[in-house]
C-alpha cells in the first residue's frame, strides 16, 4: 500500500513539474497550460495510454486536469460505439457533466464570496 502512495505522489508530482516548467521556461499562461494538459490527456486517452497510467498511479494520474481530457475522449468513444457520430458529442458531456457542473457551481460561489482583483 505504501508503494501505491509513493507512485501516486511521483506521477502527480511529475505532472505538476511539467506544468511549472511550462510556466517558467516556456512562459505559457495558466490558460494555455491548462488547455495543453487537457489535450495531452485526450491524446493519451485516445491511444489507450492514460488508463494504464491511472491504474498504476491512482490519484496521481486521476486528479490532475489531464484526466479530464482522458474522460472526454473515453466518453466520446464509448458513446460513438453505440450511437455513431452523435454519440461523440453526447458522450463527452455525459461522462464529464458532473465535473463541469461542479466547476460552474463552485466558481459561482467563489465569485460571490471573494472580491476579484481589479
N, C-alpha and C. Protein backbone atom coordinates (compact mmCIF):
# COMPACT_ATOMS: atom_id res chain seq x y z
N UNK A 1 0.82 -1.19 0.00
CA UNK A 1 0.00 0.00 0.00
C UNK A 1 0.87 1.26 0.00
N UNK A 2 2.00 1.20 0.66
CA UNK A 2 2.90 2.35 0.69
C UNK A 2 3.43 2.67 -0.70
N UNK A 3 3.67 1.63 -1.50
CA UNK A 3 4.16 1.87 -2.86
C UNK A 3 3.10 2.55 -3.72
N UNK A 4 1.82 2.27 -3.45
CA UNK A 4 0.74 2.93 -4.18
C UNK A 4 0.77 4.44 -3.92
N UNK A 5 0.95 4.82 -2.66
CA UNK A 5 1.06 6.24 -2.32
C UNK A 5 2.29 6.87 -2.95
N UNK A 6 3.39 6.14 -2.93
CA UNK A 6 4.64 6.64 -3.49
C UNK A 6 4.48 6.95 -4.97
N UNK A 7 3.93 6.00 -5.75
CA UNK A 7 3.81 6.21 -7.19
C UNK A 7 2.76 7.26 -7.52
N UNK A 8 1.72 7.37 -6.73
CA UNK A 8 0.75 8.45 -6.94
C UNK A 8 1.43 9.81 -6.73
N UNK A 9 2.26 9.90 -5.70
CA UNK A 9 2.98 11.13 -5.43
C UNK A 9 3.97 11.45 -6.55
N UNK A 10 4.70 10.46 -7.01
CA UNK A 10 5.71 10.66 -8.06
C UNK A 10 5.05 11.08 -9.37
N UNK A 11 4.04 10.36 -9.80
CA UNK A 11 3.39 10.68 -11.09
C UNK A 11 2.67 12.02 -11.02
N UNK A 12 1.91 12.25 -9.96
CA UNK A 12 1.25 13.55 -9.80
C UNK A 12 2.25 14.68 -9.71
N UNK A 13 3.35 14.44 -9.00
CA UNK A 13 4.40 15.44 -8.90
C UNK A 13 5.07 15.74 -10.22
N UNK A 14 5.29 14.70 -11.03
CA UNK A 14 5.90 14.91 -12.34
C UNK A 14 4.98 15.72 -13.26
N UNK A 15 3.69 15.46 -13.17
CA UNK A 15 2.74 16.24 -13.97
C UNK A 15 2.79 17.71 -13.54
N UNK A 16 2.89 17.94 -12.23
CA UNK A 16 2.99 19.31 -11.73
C UNK A 16 4.30 19.96 -12.12
N UNK A 17 5.39 19.20 -12.11
CA UNK A 17 6.69 19.73 -12.54
C UNK A 17 6.63 20.17 -14.00
N UNK A 18 6.02 19.36 -14.84
CA UNK A 18 5.88 19.73 -16.25
C UNK A 18 5.08 21.03 -16.38
N UNK A 19 4.01 21.13 -15.62
CA UNK A 19 3.21 22.36 -15.65
C UNK A 19 4.01 23.57 -15.19
N UNK A 20 4.79 23.41 -14.14
CA UNK A 20 5.60 24.52 -13.64
C UNK A 20 6.67 24.91 -14.65
N UNK A 21 7.26 23.93 -15.31
CA UNK A 21 8.25 24.23 -16.35
C UNK A 21 7.62 24.97 -17.53
N UNK A 22 6.39 24.60 -17.86
CA UNK A 22 5.70 25.33 -18.92
C UNK A 22 5.45 26.78 -18.54
N UNK A 23 5.17 27.03 -17.26
CA UNK A 23 5.01 28.40 -16.77
C UNK A 23 6.33 29.16 -16.83
N UNK A 24 7.37 28.57 -16.24
CA UNK A 24 8.63 29.27 -16.03
C UNK A 24 9.52 29.32 -17.26
N UNK A 25 9.70 28.20 -17.94
CA UNK A 25 10.64 28.14 -19.05
C UNK A 25 9.97 28.55 -20.37
N UNK A 26 8.82 27.96 -20.65
CA UNK A 26 8.14 28.25 -21.92
C UNK A 26 7.30 29.52 -21.85
N UNK A 27 7.15 30.06 -20.65
CA UNK A 27 6.38 31.30 -20.43
C UNK A 27 4.93 31.18 -20.92
N UNK A 28 4.35 29.99 -20.79
CA UNK A 28 2.94 29.82 -21.15
C UNK A 28 2.07 30.36 -20.03
N UNK A 29 0.92 30.88 -20.39
CA UNK A 29 -0.03 31.35 -19.39
C UNK A 29 -0.72 30.16 -18.75
N UNK A 30 -1.35 30.36 -17.59
CA UNK A 30 -2.09 29.25 -16.97
C UNK A 30 -3.17 28.68 -17.89
N UNK A 31 -3.85 29.53 -18.64
CA UNK A 31 -4.90 29.01 -19.51
C UNK A 31 -4.33 28.19 -20.67
N UNK A 32 -3.16 28.60 -21.19
CA UNK A 32 -2.52 27.80 -22.24
C UNK A 32 -2.08 26.45 -21.68
N UNK A 33 -1.51 26.47 -20.49
CA UNK A 33 -1.04 25.23 -19.87
C UNK A 33 -2.21 24.30 -19.56
N UNK A 34 -3.28 24.85 -19.05
CA UNK A 34 -4.48 24.07 -18.76
C UNK A 34 -5.01 23.42 -20.03
N UNK A 35 -5.13 24.19 -21.09
CA UNK A 35 -5.62 23.66 -22.35
C UNK A 35 -4.69 22.59 -22.91
N UNK A 36 -3.39 22.83 -22.81
CA UNK A 36 -2.42 21.86 -23.29
C UNK A 36 -2.53 20.54 -22.52
N UNK A 37 -2.69 20.62 -21.22
CA UNK A 37 -2.81 19.40 -20.41
C UNK A 37 -4.08 18.63 -20.74
N UNK A 38 -5.17 19.32 -21.00
CA UNK A 38 -6.41 18.63 -21.38
C UNK A 38 -6.22 17.93 -22.72
N UNK A 39 -5.56 18.59 -23.66
CA UNK A 39 -5.32 17.98 -24.97
C UNK A 39 -4.37 16.79 -24.84
N UNK A 40 -3.33 16.93 -24.03
CA UNK A 40 -2.40 15.81 -23.82
C UNK A 40 -3.13 14.62 -23.21
N UNK A 41 -3.98 14.87 -22.22
CA UNK A 41 -4.76 13.80 -21.61
C UNK A 41 -5.70 13.14 -22.61
N UNK A 42 -6.28 13.95 -23.50
CA UNK A 42 -7.18 13.42 -24.53
C UNK A 42 -6.41 12.56 -25.52
N UNK A 43 -5.23 13.02 -25.92
CA UNK A 43 -4.43 12.24 -26.87
C UNK A 43 -3.98 10.93 -26.24
N UNK A 44 -3.48 11.00 -25.01
CA UNK A 44 -3.05 9.77 -24.33
C UNK A 44 -4.23 8.82 -24.12
N UNK A 45 -5.40 9.37 -23.81
CA UNK A 45 -6.59 8.54 -23.67
C UNK A 45 -7.02 7.91 -24.98
N UNK A 46 -6.91 8.68 -26.05
CA UNK A 46 -7.28 8.15 -27.37
C UNK A 46 -6.39 7.01 -27.81
N UNK A 47 -5.13 7.05 -27.42
CA UNK A 47 -4.20 5.96 -27.76
C UNK A 47 -4.21 4.84 -26.72
N UNK A 48 -5.04 4.98 -25.70
CA UNK A 48 -5.14 3.93 -24.69
C UNK A 48 -4.00 3.89 -23.69
N UNK A 49 -3.28 4.98 -23.55
CA UNK A 49 -2.13 5.02 -22.64
C UNK A 49 -2.53 5.53 -21.26
N UNK A 50 -3.55 6.39 -21.18
CA UNK A 50 -3.86 7.04 -19.91
C UNK A 50 -4.51 6.10 -18.90
N UNK A 51 -5.32 5.19 -19.35
CA UNK A 51 -5.97 4.24 -18.42
C UNK A 51 -4.94 3.39 -17.68
N UNK A 52 -3.95 2.79 -18.37
CA UNK A 52 -2.92 2.06 -17.62
C UNK A 52 -2.14 2.95 -16.66
N UNK A 53 -1.93 4.22 -17.04
CA UNK A 53 -1.25 5.15 -16.14
C UNK A 53 -2.08 5.38 -14.88
N UNK A 54 -3.39 5.52 -15.03
CA UNK A 54 -4.26 5.70 -13.87
C UNK A 54 -4.30 4.44 -13.01
N UNK A 55 -4.26 3.26 -13.66
CA UNK A 55 -4.21 2.02 -12.89
C UNK A 55 -2.92 1.92 -12.08
N UNK A 56 -1.83 2.40 -12.64
CA UNK A 56 -0.52 2.35 -11.99
C UNK A 56 -0.40 3.41 -10.90
N UNK A 57 -0.78 4.66 -11.21
CA UNK A 57 -0.52 5.78 -10.31
C UNK A 57 -1.73 6.20 -9.48
N UNK A 58 -2.90 5.67 -9.74
CA UNK A 58 -4.08 6.02 -8.96
C UNK A 58 -4.39 7.50 -9.03
N UNK A 59 -4.53 8.12 -7.85
CA UNK A 59 -4.89 9.53 -7.77
C UNK A 59 -3.83 10.44 -8.37
N UNK A 60 -2.60 9.98 -8.46
CA UNK A 60 -1.55 10.79 -9.07
C UNK A 60 -1.81 11.08 -10.53
N UNK A 61 -2.58 10.23 -11.18
CA UNK A 61 -2.93 10.44 -12.58
C UNK A 61 -4.40 10.80 -12.77
N UNK A 62 -5.26 10.46 -11.80
CA UNK A 62 -6.69 10.71 -11.99
C UNK A 62 -7.12 12.08 -11.47
N UNK A 63 -6.33 12.72 -10.62
CA UNK A 63 -6.70 14.03 -10.09
C UNK A 63 -6.30 15.19 -11.01
N UNK A 64 -5.10 15.18 -11.62
CA UNK A 64 -4.72 16.32 -12.47
C UNK A 64 -5.67 16.52 -13.65
N UNK A 65 -5.60 17.70 -14.25
CA UNK A 65 -6.51 18.08 -15.33
C UNK A 65 -6.34 17.19 -16.56
N UNK A 66 -5.23 16.50 -16.68
CA UNK A 66 -5.04 15.61 -17.82
C UNK A 66 -6.09 14.51 -17.84
N UNK A 67 -6.57 14.11 -16.67
CA UNK A 67 -7.60 13.06 -16.64
C UNK A 67 -8.93 13.57 -17.18
N UNK A 68 -9.15 14.89 -17.15
CA UNK A 68 -10.37 15.44 -17.74
C UNK A 68 -10.36 15.22 -19.25
N UNK A 69 -9.22 15.46 -19.88
CA UNK A 69 -9.11 15.19 -21.32
C UNK A 69 -9.31 13.73 -21.62
N UNK A 70 -8.76 12.86 -20.78
CA UNK A 70 -8.97 11.42 -20.94
C UNK A 70 -10.44 11.07 -20.81
N UNK A 71 -11.12 11.68 -19.85
CA UNK A 71 -12.55 11.40 -19.66
C UNK A 71 -13.38 11.85 -20.86
N UNK A 72 -13.02 12.98 -21.45
CA UNK A 72 -13.73 13.46 -22.64
C UNK A 72 -13.64 12.44 -23.77
N UNK A 73 -12.44 11.97 -24.02
CA UNK A 73 -12.23 11.02 -25.12
C UNK A 73 -12.88 9.67 -24.78
N UNK A 74 -12.75 9.25 -23.54
CA UNK A 74 -13.34 7.97 -23.12
C UNK A 74 -14.85 7.98 -23.32
N UNK A 75 -15.50 9.05 -22.88
CA UNK A 75 -16.95 9.16 -23.05
C UNK A 75 -17.35 9.23 -24.52
N UNK A 76 -16.58 9.97 -25.30
CA UNK A 76 -16.88 10.09 -26.73
C UNK A 76 -16.74 8.75 -27.44
N UNK A 77 -15.70 8.00 -27.12
CA UNK A 77 -15.50 6.70 -27.77
C UNK A 77 -16.56 5.69 -27.36
N UNK A 78 -16.94 5.69 -26.07
CA UNK A 78 -17.98 4.76 -25.61
C UNK A 78 -19.30 5.01 -26.31
N UNK A 79 -19.71 6.27 -26.37
CA UNK A 79 -20.99 6.59 -26.99
C UNK A 79 -20.94 6.48 -28.52
N UNK A 80 -19.77 6.71 -29.11
CA UNK A 80 -19.65 6.57 -30.56
C UNK A 80 -19.87 5.13 -30.99
N UNK A 81 -19.45 4.19 -30.17
CA UNK A 81 -19.69 2.78 -30.49
C UNK A 81 -21.17 2.44 -30.50
N UNK A 82 -21.93 3.09 -29.62
CA UNK A 82 -23.36 2.79 -29.52
C UNK A 82 -24.23 3.63 -30.44
N UNK A 83 -23.87 4.94 -30.58
CA UNK A 83 -24.77 5.86 -31.29
C UNK A 83 -24.15 6.55 -32.49
N UNK A 84 -22.96 6.16 -32.86
CA UNK A 84 -22.32 6.77 -34.03
C UNK A 84 -21.81 8.17 -33.77
N UNK A 85 -21.87 9.00 -34.81
CA UNK A 85 -21.30 10.34 -34.74
C UNK A 85 -21.98 11.22 -33.68
N UNK A 86 -23.28 11.09 -33.52
CA UNK A 86 -23.99 11.87 -32.49
C UNK A 86 -23.49 11.49 -31.10
N UNK A 87 -23.14 10.25 -30.91
CA UNK A 87 -22.64 9.79 -29.62
C UNK A 87 -21.32 10.41 -29.23
N UNK A 88 -20.54 10.85 -30.23
CA UNK A 88 -19.26 11.50 -29.91
C UNK A 88 -19.52 12.77 -29.11
N UNK A 89 -20.47 13.57 -29.54
CA UNK A 89 -20.76 14.82 -28.83
C UNK A 89 -21.47 14.59 -27.51
N UNK A 90 -22.45 13.71 -27.51
CA UNK A 90 -23.20 13.49 -26.27
C UNK A 90 -22.37 12.74 -25.25
N UNK A 91 -21.50 11.85 -25.68
CA UNK A 91 -20.70 11.06 -24.76
C UNK A 91 -19.71 11.88 -23.97
N UNK A 92 -19.12 12.89 -24.62
CA UNK A 92 -18.16 13.74 -23.92
C UNK A 92 -18.82 14.42 -22.73
N UNK A 93 -20.03 14.91 -22.92
CA UNK A 93 -20.69 15.66 -21.86
C UNK A 93 -21.39 14.75 -20.86
N UNK A 94 -21.79 13.58 -21.29
CA UNK A 94 -22.45 12.64 -20.38
C UNK A 94 -21.47 12.19 -19.29
N UNK A 95 -20.26 11.87 -19.67
CA UNK A 95 -19.27 11.38 -18.72
C UNK A 95 -18.75 12.50 -17.83
N UNK A 96 -18.57 13.70 -18.37
CA UNK A 96 -17.92 14.79 -17.63
C UNK A 96 -18.90 15.82 -17.07
N UNK A 97 -20.18 15.58 -17.20
CA UNK A 97 -21.15 16.60 -16.80
C UNK A 97 -21.08 16.94 -15.31
N UNK A 98 -20.82 15.98 -14.46
CA UNK A 98 -20.76 16.29 -13.03
C UNK A 98 -19.56 17.17 -12.72
N UNK A 99 -18.42 16.92 -13.35
CA UNK A 99 -17.25 17.77 -13.13
C UNK A 99 -17.44 19.18 -13.66
N UNK A 100 -18.06 19.29 -14.82
CA UNK A 100 -18.32 20.60 -15.40
C UNK A 100 -19.31 21.36 -14.54
N UNK A 101 -20.36 20.68 -14.08
CA UNK A 101 -21.36 21.32 -13.22
C UNK A 101 -20.75 21.79 -11.91
N UNK A 102 -19.90 20.96 -11.32
CA UNK A 102 -19.25 21.35 -10.06
C UNK A 102 -18.36 22.57 -10.27
N UNK A 103 -17.64 22.62 -11.40
CA UNK A 103 -16.77 23.77 -11.67
C UNK A 103 -17.59 25.05 -11.81
N UNK A 104 -18.73 24.97 -12.47
CA UNK A 104 -19.58 26.15 -12.63
C UNK A 104 -20.15 26.59 -11.29
N UNK A 105 -20.69 25.65 -10.52
CA UNK A 105 -21.31 25.99 -9.23
C UNK A 105 -20.28 26.55 -8.26
N UNK A 106 -19.13 25.88 -8.11
CA UNK A 106 -18.13 26.35 -7.16
C UNK A 106 -17.45 27.63 -7.65
N UNK A 107 -17.33 27.81 -8.95
CA UNK A 107 -16.83 29.07 -9.49
C UNK A 107 -17.77 30.22 -9.18
N UNK A 108 -19.06 29.98 -9.28
CA UNK A 108 -20.05 31.00 -8.95
C UNK A 108 -20.01 31.34 -7.46
N UNK A 109 -19.94 30.31 -6.62
CA UNK A 109 -19.85 30.55 -5.17
C UNK A 109 -18.58 31.32 -4.83
N UNK A 110 -17.46 30.94 -5.46
CA UNK A 110 -16.21 31.66 -5.23
C UNK A 110 -16.31 33.12 -5.66
N UNK A 111 -17.00 33.38 -6.77
CA UNK A 111 -17.17 34.76 -7.24
C UNK A 111 -18.02 35.57 -6.27
N UNK A 112 -18.98 34.92 -5.63
CA UNK A 112 -19.81 35.63 -4.64
C UNK A 112 -19.06 35.91 -3.35
N UNK A 113 -18.21 35.00 -2.93
CA UNK A 113 -17.54 35.11 -1.65
C UNK A 113 -16.28 35.98 -1.66
N UNK A 114 -15.59 36.04 -2.79
CA UNK A 114 -14.31 36.71 -2.83
C UNK A 114 -14.35 37.88 -3.83
N UNK A 115 -13.65 38.94 -3.46
CA UNK A 115 -13.60 40.11 -4.31
C UNK A 115 -12.46 39.96 -5.32
N UNK A 116 -12.76 40.09 -6.62
CA UNK A 116 -11.70 39.95 -7.61
C UNK A 116 -10.74 41.13 -7.57
N UNK A 117 -9.52 40.87 -8.00
CA UNK A 117 -8.54 41.96 -8.11
C UNK A 117 -8.94 42.83 -9.28
N UNK A 118 -8.75 44.09 -9.13
CA UNK A 118 -9.11 44.91 -10.28
C UNK A 118 -9.10 46.30 -9.98
